[in-house]
């Protein structure tokens, strides 16, 4: 009789295992769902193209090879304000610099700032949100009230305040943009941890002697990683916009380096005489932000089991 029960139990486990979805099939379903979203695919293709351009330009600078049509930082006043033509596809600016070359060169700066700033805010925000959500009590209150104060100030104004304290420059812009985005990740992680920390698997991990850090990073965060990934993807678009805003105000990347926001800021006085000097950098910012938003929305749907294709 005991053998029959054991056999039945084993058979039930085998049958149940057949219904367990393998990680490979989950990834396949997510990819299939993502492919069904044409807007997300377009966004992904644009992001891949921008990343390829940025990496290629960066490597060419490291090895000393000029792959751009013109030196993006070389000025020739005799060629200032040349309208777009076969020689200068996007025209030249007030200093005679090729606008097309500067936009291509600015791709690496915008993506670098966006990705690095998100990495800073993500790492700090996840850590603070995890501590606040898991510990609770006074620790939670202290951390989240600080985050609330930061959220009460518009992000661009807070970034300007940080830049005023840190000074101008690319590295300072990365730090400032990274700091202002911390509260968003902290709130997301805290809310997610509050909703899962009392689940059975967390209680079981605590009973068998796992420490708090192990429970957080091995048992809780992997179950909310999809929310973090989606927010980080959308956060890159916000970081690119903030970078452009700081550059427009003259607080970001400093001359002679090319950055889309700085190009807009320096060309705003020529909106009627040379509108192309504003149009092309503006299009570059718009396309980049739109691509990350489209891909982020599609990624959110793909990571939601309810929206996956059957």
Protein backbone atom coordinates (compact mmCIF):
# COMPACT_ATOMS: atom_id res chain seq x y z
CA UNK A 1 0.00 0.00 0.00
CA UNK A 2 2.85 2.35 0.89
CA UNK A 3 4.52 1.51 -2.39
CA UNK A 4 1.32 2.38 -4.27
CA UNK A 5 1.08 5.73 -2.49
CA UNK A 6 4.73 6.48 -3.26
CA UNK A 7 4.20 5.54 -6.88
CA UNK A 8 1.11 7.75 -7.09
CA UNK A 9 2.94 10.64 -5.45
CA UNK A 10 5.85 10.29 -7.84
CA UNK A 11 3.45 10.15 -10.79
CA UNK A 12 1.67 13.28 -9.58
CA UNK A 13 4.96 15.13 -9.25
CA UNK A 14 5.94 14.11 -12.76
CA UNK A 15 2.60 15.27 -14.11
CA UNK A 16 2.88 18.54 -12.22
CA UNK A 17 6.40 19.08 -13.51
CA UNK A 18 5.12 18.80 -17.05
CA UNK A 19 3.03 21.91 -16.45
CA UNK A 20 5.88 23.90 -14.96
CA UNK A 21 7.01 26.47 -17.47
CA UNK A 22 10.70 26.27 -18.18
CA UNK A 23 12.80 29.46 -18.15
CA UNK A 24 13.63 28.92 -21.82
CA UNK A 25 9.96 28.86 -22.75
CA UNK A 26 9.30 31.96 -20.65
CA UNK A 27 12.03 33.87 -22.47
CA UNK A 28 10.70 32.62 -25.79
CA UNK A 29 7.18 33.77 -24.94
CA UNK A 30 8.46 37.17 -23.84
CA UNK A 31 10.40 37.54 -27.08
CA UNK A 32 7.41 36.47 -29.16
CA UNK A 33 5.20 38.97 -27.32
CA UNK A 34 7.77 41.71 -27.83
CA UNK A 35 7.98 40.94 -31.55
CA UNK A 36 4.22 41.34 -31.86
CA UNK A 37 4.59 44.94 -30.69
CA UNK A 38 5.79 46.68 -33.83
CA UNK A 39 6.42 49.97 -32.05
CA UNK A 40 8.67 48.23 -29.50
CA UNK A 41 10.62 46.52 -32.30
CA UNK A 42 11.14 49.86 -34.02
CA UNK A 43 12.34 51.33 -30.74
CA UNK A 44 14.72 48.40 -30.22
CA UNK A 45 16.15 48.77 -33.72
CA UNK A 46 16.73 52.50 -33.21
CA UNK A 47 18.38 51.87 -29.83
CA UNK A 48 20.65 49.23 -31.36
CA UNK A 49 21.58 51.62 -34.18
CA UNK A 50 22.33 54.45 -31.74
CA UNK A 51 24.43 52.13 -29.57
CA UNK A 52 26.35 50.93 -32.63
CA UNK A 53 27.03 54.53 -33.69
CA UNK A 54 28.15 55.54 -30.20
CA UNK A 55 30.46 52.55 -29.78
CA UNK A 56 31.94 52.97 -33.27
CA UNK A 57 32.66 56.67 -32.73
CA UNK A 58 34.17 55.99 -29.31
CA UNK A 59 36.45 53.22 -30.60
CA UNK A 60 37.53 55.32 -33.58
CA UNK A 61 38.57 58.11 -31.22
CA UNK A 62 40.54 55.69 -29.06
CA UNK A 63 42.54 54.34 -31.98
CA UNK A 64 42.88 57.73 -33.67
CA UNK A 65 40.84 57.07 -36.81
CA UNK A 66 38.47 59.73 -38.18
CA UNK A 67 35.31 58.05 -39.45
CA UNK A 68 33.08 61.13 -39.39
CA UNK A 69 32.85 63.31 -42.50
CA UNK A 70 34.44 66.21 -40.61
CA UNK A 71 36.09 66.84 -37.25
CA UNK A 72 33.08 67.70 -35.05
CA UNK A 73 35.10 70.21 -33.00
CA UNK A 74 36.94 71.94 -35.84
CA UNK A 75 35.64 75.40 -36.64
CA UNK A 76 36.08 77.37 -39.85
CA UNK A 77 34.44 80.78 -39.74
CA UNK A 78 34.59 81.07 -43.52
CA UNK A 79 32.03 78.23 -43.71
CA UNK A 80 29.60 79.40 -41.05
CA UNK A 81 25.86 79.00 -41.65
CA UNK A 82 26.04 76.92 -44.79
CA UNK A 83 22.62 75.44 -45.40
CA UNK A 84 22.26 71.66 -45.84
CA UNK A 85 23.76 70.48 -49.11
CA UNK A 86 25.58 67.53 -50.63
CA UNK A 87 28.84 68.47 -48.87
CA UNK A 88 27.35 69.27 -45.46
CA UNK A 89 24.22 67.14 -45.09
CA UNK A 90 22.89 69.03 -42.07
CA UNK A 91 24.63 72.32 -42.81
CA UNK A 92 27.16 74.14 -40.62
CA UNK A 93 26.71 76.15 -37.42
CA UNK A 94 27.79 79.66 -36.45
CA UNK A 95 31.41 78.54 -36.07
CA UNK A 96 31.51 76.63 -39.36
CA UNK A 97 31.36 73.19 -37.73
CA UNK A 98 29.59 70.38 -39.56
CA UNK A 99 26.24 69.81 -37.83
CA UNK A 100 25.89 66.21 -39.02
CA UNK A 101 29.29 65.22 -37.61
CA UNK A 102 28.47 66.92 -34.31
CA UNK A 103 25.13 65.14 -33.99
CA UNK A 104 26.74 61.77 -34.67
CA UNK A 105 29.53 62.55 -32.20
CA UNK A 106 26.95 63.70 -29.63
CA UNK A 107 25.28 60.28 -29.70
CA UNK A 108 27.99 58.75 -27.53
CA UNK A 109 27.71 61.52 -24.95
CA UNK A 110 23.91 61.35 -24.64
CA UNK A 111 23.85 57.56 -24.36
CA UNK A 112 26.81 57.52 -21.97
CA UNK A 113 25.16 60.02 -19.65
CA UNK A 114 21.79 58.26 -19.89
CA UNK A 115 23.09 54.76 -19.16
CA UNK A 116 25.60 55.82 -16.49
CA UNK A 117 23.13 58.08 -14.67
CA UNK A 118 20.53 55.29 -14.61
CA UNK A 119 23.17 52.87 -13.29
CA UNK A 120 23.90 55.27 -10.42
CA UNK A 121 20.28 55.97 -9.54
CA UNK A 122 19.31 52.31 -9.97
CA UNK A 123 22.00 50.94 -7.68
CA UNK A 124 21.40 53.48 -4.91
CA UNK A 125 17.62 53.49 -5.30
CA UNK A 126 17.35 49.69 -5.18
CA UNK A 127 19.54 49.57 -2.08
CA UNK A 128 17.59 52.27 -0.23
CA UNK A 129 14.21 50.90 -1.31
CA UNK A 130 15.18 47.39 -0.24
CA UNK A 131 16.30 48.54 3.19
CA UNK A 132 13.21 50.70 3.68
CA UNK A 133 10.74 48.05 2.54
CA UNK A 134 12.32 45.14 4.38
CA UNK A 135 13.25 46.87 7.64
CA UNK A 136 10.18 49.08 7.99
CA UNK A 137 9.65 51.21 11.08
CA UNK A 138 11.84 54.25 11.68
CA UNK A 139 14.33 53.21 9.00
CA UNK A 140 11.56 53.14 6.41
CA UNK A 141 10.18 56.48 7.59
CA UNK A 142 13.58 58.20 7.49
CA UNK A 143 14.50 56.94 4.03
CA UNK A 144 11.12 57.52 2.41
CA UNK A 145 10.60 60.99 3.89
CA UNK A 146 13.96 61.95 2.40
CA UNK A 147 12.81 60.55 -0.94
CA UNK A 148 9.54 62.48 -0.64
CA UNK A 149 11.44 65.72 -0.13
CA UNK A 150 13.47 65.05 -3.27
CA UNK A 151 10.33 64.19 -5.23
CA UNK A 152 8.68 67.43 -4.11
CA UNK A 153 11.26 69.36 -6.15
CA UNK A 154 11.05 69.17 -9.96
CA UNK A 155 13.84 66.93 -11.21
CA UNK A 156 15.39 69.52 -13.51
CA UNK A 157 15.49 72.13 -10.72
CA UNK A 158 17.07 69.61 -8.37
CA UNK A 159 19.60 68.69 -11.06
CA UNK A 160 20.43 72.39 -11.52
CA UNK A 161 20.93 72.70 -7.76
CA UNK A 162 23.31 69.74 -7.77
CA UNK A 163 25.17 71.19 -10.75
CA UNK A 164 25.51 74.51 -8.93
CA UNK A 165 27.10 72.66 -6.02
CA UNK A 166 29.25 70.29 -8.07
CA UNK A 167 30.20 72.57 -10.96
CA UNK A 168 29.92 72.24 -14.73
CA UNK A 169 31.09 69.30 -16.78
CA UNK A 170 30.11 65.90 -18.13
CA UNK A 171 31.01 63.95 -15.00
CA UNK A 172 29.10 66.38 -12.80
CA UNK A 173 26.06 66.09 -15.08
CA UNK A 174 26.13 62.29 -14.76
CA UNK A 175 26.18 62.52 -10.96
CA UNK A 176 23.47 65.17 -10.81
CA UNK A 177 21.08 63.32 -13.13
CA UNK A 178 21.77 60.06 -11.33
CA UNK A 179 20.99 61.56 -7.92
CA UNK A 180 17.66 63.14 -8.88
CA UNK A 181 16.28 59.80 -10.15
CA UNK A 182 17.03 57.82 -6.98
CA UNK A 183 13.58 58.37 -5.35
CA UNK A 184 11.73 56.78 -8.28
CA UNK A 185 13.60 53.49 -7.99
CA UNK A 186 13.49 53.55 -4.20
CA UNK A 187 9.70 53.89 -4.18
CA UNK A 188 9.18 51.15 -6.77
CA UNK A 189 11.44 48.69 -4.94
CA UNK A 190 10.02 49.52 -1.52
CA UNK A 191 6.44 49.03 -2.68
CA UNK A 192 7.27 45.76 -4.38
CA UNK A 193 9.13 44.42 -1.34
CA UNK A 194 6.24 45.34 0.96
CA UNK A 195 3.94 43.25 -1.24
CA UNK A 196 6.13 40.13 -1.34
CA UNK A 197 8.16 40.04 1.88
CA UNK A 198 5.42 38.19 3.78
CA UNK A 199 5.07 35.48 1.14
CA UNK A 200 5.70 31.87 2.13
CA UNK A 201 9.00 31.51 0.31
CA UNK A 202 10.41 34.56 2.13
CA UNK A 203 9.23 33.22 5.48
CA UNK A 204 10.76 29.84 4.67
CA UNK A 205 14.09 31.46 3.79
CA UNK A 206 14.03 33.32 7.08
CA UNK A 207 13.22 30.17 9.07
CA UNK A 208 16.15 28.19 7.67
CA UNK A 209 18.53 30.92 8.78
CA UNK A 210 19.14 33.10 5.71
CA UNK A 211 20.33 36.61 6.55
CA UNK A 212 18.46 39.76 5.57
CA UNK A 213 20.80 40.63 2.72
CA UNK A 214 20.58 37.12 1.26
CA UNK A 215 16.79 37.14 1.48
CA UNK A 216 16.59 40.53 -0.22
CA UNK A 217 19.05 39.92 -3.05
CA UNK A 218 18.42 36.23 -3.69
CA UNK A 219 14.75 35.70 -2.88
CA UNK A 220 12.95 39.05 -3.20
CA UNK A 221 14.68 41.20 -5.83
CA UNK A 222 14.73 38.45 -8.50
CA UNK A 223 10.93 38.35 -8.26
CA UNK A 224 10.55 42.08 -8.93
CA UNK A 225 13.37 42.45 -11.45
CA UNK A 226 10.93 42.97 -14.32
CA UNK A 227 9.60 46.18 -12.76
CA UNK A 228 13.12 47.45 -12.23
CA UNK A 229 14.23 46.65 -15.78
CA UNK A 230 11.24 48.39 -17.33
CA UNK A 231 11.70 51.48 -15.17
CA UNK A 232 15.41 51.61 -15.95
CA UNK A 233 14.70 51.46 -19.69
CA UNK A 234 12.23 54.33 -19.43
CA UNK A 235 14.64 56.11 -17.08
CA UNK A 236 17.29 56.32 -19.80
CA UNK A 237 14.95 58.44 -21.92
CA UNK A 238 14.39 60.77 -18.94
CA UNK A 239 18.14 60.97 -18.37
CA UNK A 240 18.73 61.89 -22.03
CA UNK A 241 16.14 64.66 -21.71
CA UNK A 242 17.70 65.95 -18.50
CA UNK A 243 21.11 65.91 -20.14
CA UNK A 244 19.77 67.96 -23.03
CA UNK A 245 18.08 70.37 -20.62
CA UNK A 246 21.29 70.93 -18.65
CA UNK A 247 23.23 71.34 -21.89
CA UNK A 248 20.65 73.84 -23.15
CA UNK A 249 21.18 75.89 -19.98
CA UNK A 250 24.95 75.71 -20.38
CA UNK A 251 25.45 73.54 -17.28
CA UNK A 252 26.21 70.20 -18.92
CA UNK A 253 28.89 69.26 -21.41
CA UNK A 254 31.14 72.21 -22.08
CA UNK A 255 32.54 73.36 -25.46
CA UNK A 256 34.02 72.33 -27.76
CA UNK A 257 32.50 68.88 -27.21
CA UNK A 258 29.28 68.13 -29.05
CA UNK A 259 26.09 67.52 -27.08
CA UNK A 260 22.57 67.84 -28.46
CA UNK A 261 21.19 70.09 -25.71
CA UNK A 262 24.22 72.37 -25.87
CA UNK A 263 23.81 72.58 -29.64
CA UNK A 264 20.19 73.66 -29.17
CA UNK A 265 21.13 76.24 -26.58
CA UNK A 266 23.81 77.85 -28.72
CA UNK A 267 21.64 77.86 -31.84
CA UNK A 268 18.47 79.34 -30.31
CA UNK A 269 19.51 82.81 -31.39
CA UNK A 270 19.50 81.70 -35.04
CA UNK A 271 16.03 80.19 -35.16
CA UNK A 272 15.00 82.41 -38.07
CA UNK A 273 18.30 82.81 -39.93
CA UNK A 274 19.49 79.17 -39.61
CA UNK A 275 16.63 77.03 -38.26
CA UNK A 276 18.33 73.79 -39.30
CA UNK A 277 20.87 74.27 -36.48
CA UNK A 278 17.99 73.67 -34.04
CA UNK A 279 15.87 71.26 -36.05
CA UNK A 280 18.42 68.46 -36.45
CA UNK A 281 19.61 68.31 -32.80
CA UNK A 282 15.96 68.48 -31.73
CA UNK A 283 15.09 65.56 -34.02
CA UNK A 284 18.00 63.55 -32.59
CA UNK A 285 16.74 64.09 -29.02
CA UNK A 286 13.16 63.27 -30.00
CA UNK A 287 14.05 60.06 -31.83
CA UNK A 288 16.26 58.83 -28.99
CA UNK A 289 13.71 59.53 -26.25
CA UNK A 290 10.88 58.08 -28.33
CA UNK A 291 12.87 54.91 -29.06
CA UNK A 292 13.50 54.19 -25.37
CA UNK A 293 9.88 54.96 -24.48
CA UNK A 294 8.52 52.65 -27.20
CA UNK A 295 10.87 49.85 -26.23
CA UNK A 296 10.16 50.35 -22.53
CA UNK A 297 6.40 50.12 -23.08
CA UNK A 298 6.81 46.97 -25.16
CA UNK A 299 9.15 45.45 -22.61
CA UNK A 300 6.63 46.11 -19.86
CA UNK A 301 3.95 44.25 -21.81
CA UNK A 302 6.31 41.37 -22.62
CA UNK A 303 7.29 40.93 -18.98
CA UNK A 304 3.64 40.88 -17.88
CA UNK A 305 2.42 37.25 -18.01
CA UNK A 306 -1.17 38.42 -18.54
CA UNK A 307 -0.30 40.15 -21.80
CA UNK A 308 1.84 37.41 -23.36
CA UNK A 309 0.63 35.74 -26.51
CA UNK A 310 -0.93 32.30 -26.23
